[in-house]
């Protein structure tokens, strides 16, 4: 089992579901500091779910993209076959019918990719919902004097790109991942030995 310090290092540089599992183990092993570590454990769990879901959706998207590209390649092969085998009036008939059928197949295959984008948007929606509450809680603890309306406005401004349909998926994934990192580290730093008593 890794120490807390060892488990935190990959969270800073390259967070993965596996790294978050290591961190969970390190936090659970610190029973004497569990009250202070409860929030860190909660954020670790949420970050783990976010990365795991995203990893799953990316695998599905890559597969859908591959299937779609293969379908598009098949369109060319069928069209070529129709052109080579058809004669006279049959040529135009095959070209029109074959082109329509293959065009519909391409359109259908692209729907898989659009479907992935909708599914992935649910991952971002769930993450922004959780992060709104978690950032509110952290802000309330660290900036108690900040008026609630300003606190909420600042949080929503921070998360706005993740809700914007025009922002690319990769940018949303990166933004939300960075916010999870900062949130998690804000709870982990006080648990490190040099941070004070109870470590």
Protein backbone atom coordinates (compact mmCIF):
# COMPACT_ATOMS: atom_id res chain seq x y z
CA UNK A 1 0.00 0.00 0.00
CA UNK A 2 1.29 3.44 -0.89
CA UNK A 3 1.78 6.20 1.65
CA UNK A 4 -0.42 9.27 1.35
CA UNK A 5 2.45 11.28 -0.13
CA UNK A 6 3.20 8.56 -2.71
CA UNK A 7 -0.49 8.30 -3.61
CA UNK A 8 -0.86 12.07 -4.08
CA UNK A 9 1.99 12.41 -6.62
CA UNK A 10 0.16 10.87 -9.61
CA UNK A 11 -2.99 12.85 -8.76
CA UNK A 12 -1.00 16.02 -9.41
CA UNK A 13 0.68 14.88 -12.62
CA UNK A 14 -1.50 12.24 -14.31
CA UNK A 15 -4.69 11.27 -12.46
CA UNK A 16 -6.18 7.92 -13.48
CA UNK A 17 -8.80 5.64 -11.92
CA UNK A 18 -5.97 3.35 -10.74
CA UNK A 19 -4.15 6.26 -9.07
CA UNK A 20 -7.38 7.27 -7.33
CA UNK A 21 -7.82 3.71 -6.03
CA UNK A 22 -4.33 3.93 -4.53
CA UNK A 23 -5.27 7.24 -2.94
CA UNK A 24 -8.46 5.75 -1.52
CA UNK A 25 -6.41 3.00 0.13
CA UNK A 26 -3.96 5.51 1.61
CA UNK A 27 -6.82 7.63 2.99
CA UNK A 28 -8.64 4.64 4.46
CA UNK A 29 -5.42 3.48 6.16
CA UNK A 30 -5.23 6.80 8.03
CA UNK A 31 -8.04 5.92 10.43
CA UNK A 32 -6.88 8.43 13.04
CA UNK A 33 -7.26 11.25 10.52
CA UNK A 34 -10.51 10.05 8.96
CA UNK A 35 -12.59 12.97 10.18
CA UNK A 36 -10.27 15.39 8.40
CA UNK A 37 -10.01 13.01 5.45
CA UNK A 38 -13.73 12.38 4.88
CA UNK A 39 -14.06 15.20 2.36
CA UNK A 40 -10.89 14.07 0.59
CA UNK A 41 -12.32 10.55 0.42
CA UNK A 42 -15.62 11.83 -1.00
CA UNK A 43 -13.89 13.93 -3.69
CA UNK A 44 -11.60 10.97 -4.48
CA UNK A 45 -14.68 8.79 -5.08
CA UNK A 46 -16.35 11.40 -7.31
CA UNK A 47 -13.15 12.02 -9.29
CA UNK A 48 -12.75 8.24 -9.71
CA UNK A 49 -16.31 7.92 -11.07
CA UNK A 50 -15.76 10.87 -13.41
CA UNK A 51 -12.53 9.48 -14.89
CA UNK A 52 -13.90 5.93 -15.13
CA UNK A 53 -17.05 7.06 -16.94
CA UNK A 54 -15.05 9.30 -19.24
CA UNK A 55 -12.60 6.49 -20.01
CA UNK A 56 -15.52 4.18 -20.83
CA UNK A 57 -17.19 6.76 -23.07
CA UNK A 58 -13.93 7.52 -24.87
CA UNK A 59 -13.47 3.84 -25.63
CA UNK A 60 -17.04 3.70 -26.96
CA UNK A 61 -16.47 6.84 -29.04
CA UNK A 62 -13.26 5.50 -30.54
CA UNK A 63 -15.11 2.32 -31.47
CA UNK A 64 -18.00 4.26 -32.99
CA UNK A 65 -15.58 6.41 -34.96
CA UNK A 66 -13.84 3.30 -36.27
CA UNK A 67 -17.14 1.64 -37.23
CA UNK A 68 -18.29 4.82 -38.91
CA UNK A 69 -15.08 5.15 -40.90
CA UNK A 70 -15.31 1.50 -41.94
CA UNK A 71 -18.89 2.06 -43.12
CA UNK A 72 -17.77 5.06 -45.15
CA UNK A 73 -15.02 2.93 -46.73
CA UNK A 74 -17.60 0.26 -47.58
CA UNK A 75 -19.69 2.87 -49.40
CA UNK A 76 -16.85 3.46 -51.85
CA UNK A 77 -16.39 -0.27 -52.47
CA UNK A 78 -20.11 -0.85 -53.16
CA UNK A 79 -20.33 2.21 -55.42
CA UNK A 80 -17.32 1.00 -57.38
CA UNK A 81 -18.84 -2.47 -57.73
CA UNK A 82 -22.10 -0.93 -59.01
CA UNK A 83 -20.22 1.12 -61.59
CA UNK A 84 -18.11 -1.79 -62.82
CA UNK A 85 -20.92 -4.37 -63.08
CA UNK A 86 -23.73 -2.21 -64.51
CA UNK A 87 -24.51 -1.76 -68.18
CA UNK A 88 -26.64 0.80 -70.04
CA UNK A 89 -29.89 1.70 -68.25
CA UNK A 90 -28.89 -0.51 -65.32
CA UNK A 91 -25.85 1.70 -64.72
CA UNK A 92 -27.93 4.76 -63.74
CA UNK A 93 -30.48 2.71 -61.85
CA UNK A 94 -27.79 0.97 -59.79
CA UNK A 95 -25.94 4.24 -59.26
CA UNK A 96 -29.06 6.02 -57.95
CA UNK A 97 -30.33 3.18 -55.76
CA UNK A 98 -26.87 2.17 -54.56
CA UNK A 99 -25.91 5.76 -53.81
CA UNK A 100 -29.10 6.35 -51.82
CA UNK A 101 -28.73 3.14 -49.80
CA UNK A 102 -25.06 3.75 -49.08
CA UNK A 103 -25.70 7.39 -48.23
CA UNK A 104 -28.30 6.30 -45.66
CA UNK A 105 -25.81 3.81 -44.21
CA UNK A 106 -23.21 6.56 -43.79
CA UNK A 107 -25.77 8.87 -42.16
CA UNK A 108 -26.83 6.07 -39.79
CA UNK A 109 -23.24 5.27 -38.85
CA UNK A 110 -22.56 8.92 -38.01
CA UNK A 111 -25.49 8.82 -35.57
CA UNK A 112 -23.45 6.48 -33.35
CA UNK A 113 -20.87 9.23 -32.97
CA UNK A 114 -23.57 11.81 -32.20
CA UNK A 115 -25.02 9.36 -29.67
CA UNK A 116 -21.63 9.18 -27.96
CA UNK A 117 -21.52 12.96 -27.70
CA UNK A 118 -24.92 12.97 -25.97
CA UNK A 119 -23.83 10.21 -23.57
CA UNK A 120 -20.60 12.03 -22.76
CA UNK A 121 -22.46 15.27 -22.13
CA UNK A 122 -24.24 13.44 -19.29
CA UNK A 123 -20.84 12.74 -17.70
CA UNK A 124 -20.05 16.46 -17.82
CA UNK A 125 -23.50 17.41 -16.48
CA UNK A 126 -23.13 15.05 -13.53
CA UNK A 127 -19.64 16.38 -12.81
CA UNK A 128 -20.71 20.05 -12.92
CA UNK A 129 -23.65 19.27 -10.61
CA UNK A 130 -21.35 17.66 -8.04
CA UNK A 131 -18.59 20.26 -8.40
CA UNK A 132 -21.05 23.13 -7.86
CA UNK A 133 -21.90 21.74 -4.43
CA UNK A 134 -18.34 20.73 -3.55
CA UNK A 135 -16.89 24.11 -4.55
CA UNK A 136 -19.64 25.85 -2.57
CA UNK A 137 -18.70 23.81 0.50
CA UNK A 138 -14.98 24.53 0.10
CA UNK A 139 -15.61 28.22 -0.51
CA UNK A 140 -17.89 28.41 2.54
CA UNK A 141 -15.12 26.92 4.68
CA UNK A 142 -12.31 29.07 3.31
CA UNK A 143 -14.16 32.32 2.48
CA UNK A 144 -16.94 32.50 5.04
CA UNK A 145 -17.38 36.28 4.58
CA UNK A 146 -18.08 36.05 0.84
CA UNK A 147 -21.76 36.83 0.08
CA UNK A 148 -23.67 33.79 -1.17
CA UNK A 149 -24.64 35.46 -4.45
CA UNK A 150 -20.98 36.21 -5.27
CA UNK A 151 -19.93 32.71 -4.25
CA UNK A 152 -22.53 31.12 -6.55
CA UNK A 153 -21.75 33.47 -9.44
CA UNK A 154 -18.01 32.69 -9.22
CA UNK A 155 -18.65 28.94 -9.18
CA UNK A 156 -21.00 29.14 -12.15
CA UNK A 157 -18.52 31.25 -14.13
CA UNK A 158 -15.82 28.67 -13.46
CA UNK A 159 -18.03 25.80 -14.63
CA UNK A 160 -19.69 27.64 -17.55
CA UNK A 161 -17.37 26.26 -20.29
CA UNK A 162 -18.28 22.70 -19.27
CA UNK A 163 -21.95 23.49 -19.95
CA UNK A 164 -21.35 25.35 -23.20
CA UNK A 165 -22.35 23.21 -26.22
CA UNK A 166 -19.80 25.06 -28.38
CA UNK A 167 -16.82 24.09 -26.21
CA UNK A 168 -15.06 20.95 -27.55
CA UNK A 169 -15.45 17.78 -25.49
CA UNK A 170 -11.70 17.49 -24.90
CA UNK A 171 -11.61 21.00 -23.39
CA UNK A 172 -14.54 20.18 -21.10
CA UNK A 173 -12.89 16.96 -19.95
CA UNK A 174 -9.65 18.80 -19.18
CA UNK A 175 -11.35 21.69 -17.37
CA UNK A 176 -13.43 19.42 -15.13
CA UNK A 177 -10.43 17.18 -14.45
CA UNK A 178 -8.37 20.18 -13.34
CA UNK A 179 -11.16 21.38 -11.05
CA UNK A 180 -11.39 17.92 -9.47
CA UNK A 181 -7.60 17.97 -8.97
CA UNK A 182 -7.59 21.38 -7.27
CA UNK A 183 -10.57 20.48 -5.09
CA UNK A 184 -9.02 17.19 -4.04
CA UNK A 185 -5.61 18.70 -3.34
CA UNK A 186 -7.18 21.41 -1.18
CA UNK A 187 -8.40 18.63 1.14
CA UNK A 188 -5.27 16.47 0.88
CA UNK A 189 -2.61 19.06 1.68
CA UNK A 190 -3.73 19.49 5.34
CA UNK A 191 -3.42 15.70 5.79
CA UNK A 192 0.26 15.59 4.84
CA UNK A 193 2.75 15.11 7.73
CA UNK A 194 4.36 18.55 7.39
CA UNK A 195 0.92 20.19 7.53
CA UNK A 196 0.59 19.88 11.27
CA UNK A 197 -0.69 17.68 14.10
CA UNK A 198 -2.78 14.57 13.56
CA UNK A 199 -0.68 13.44 10.58
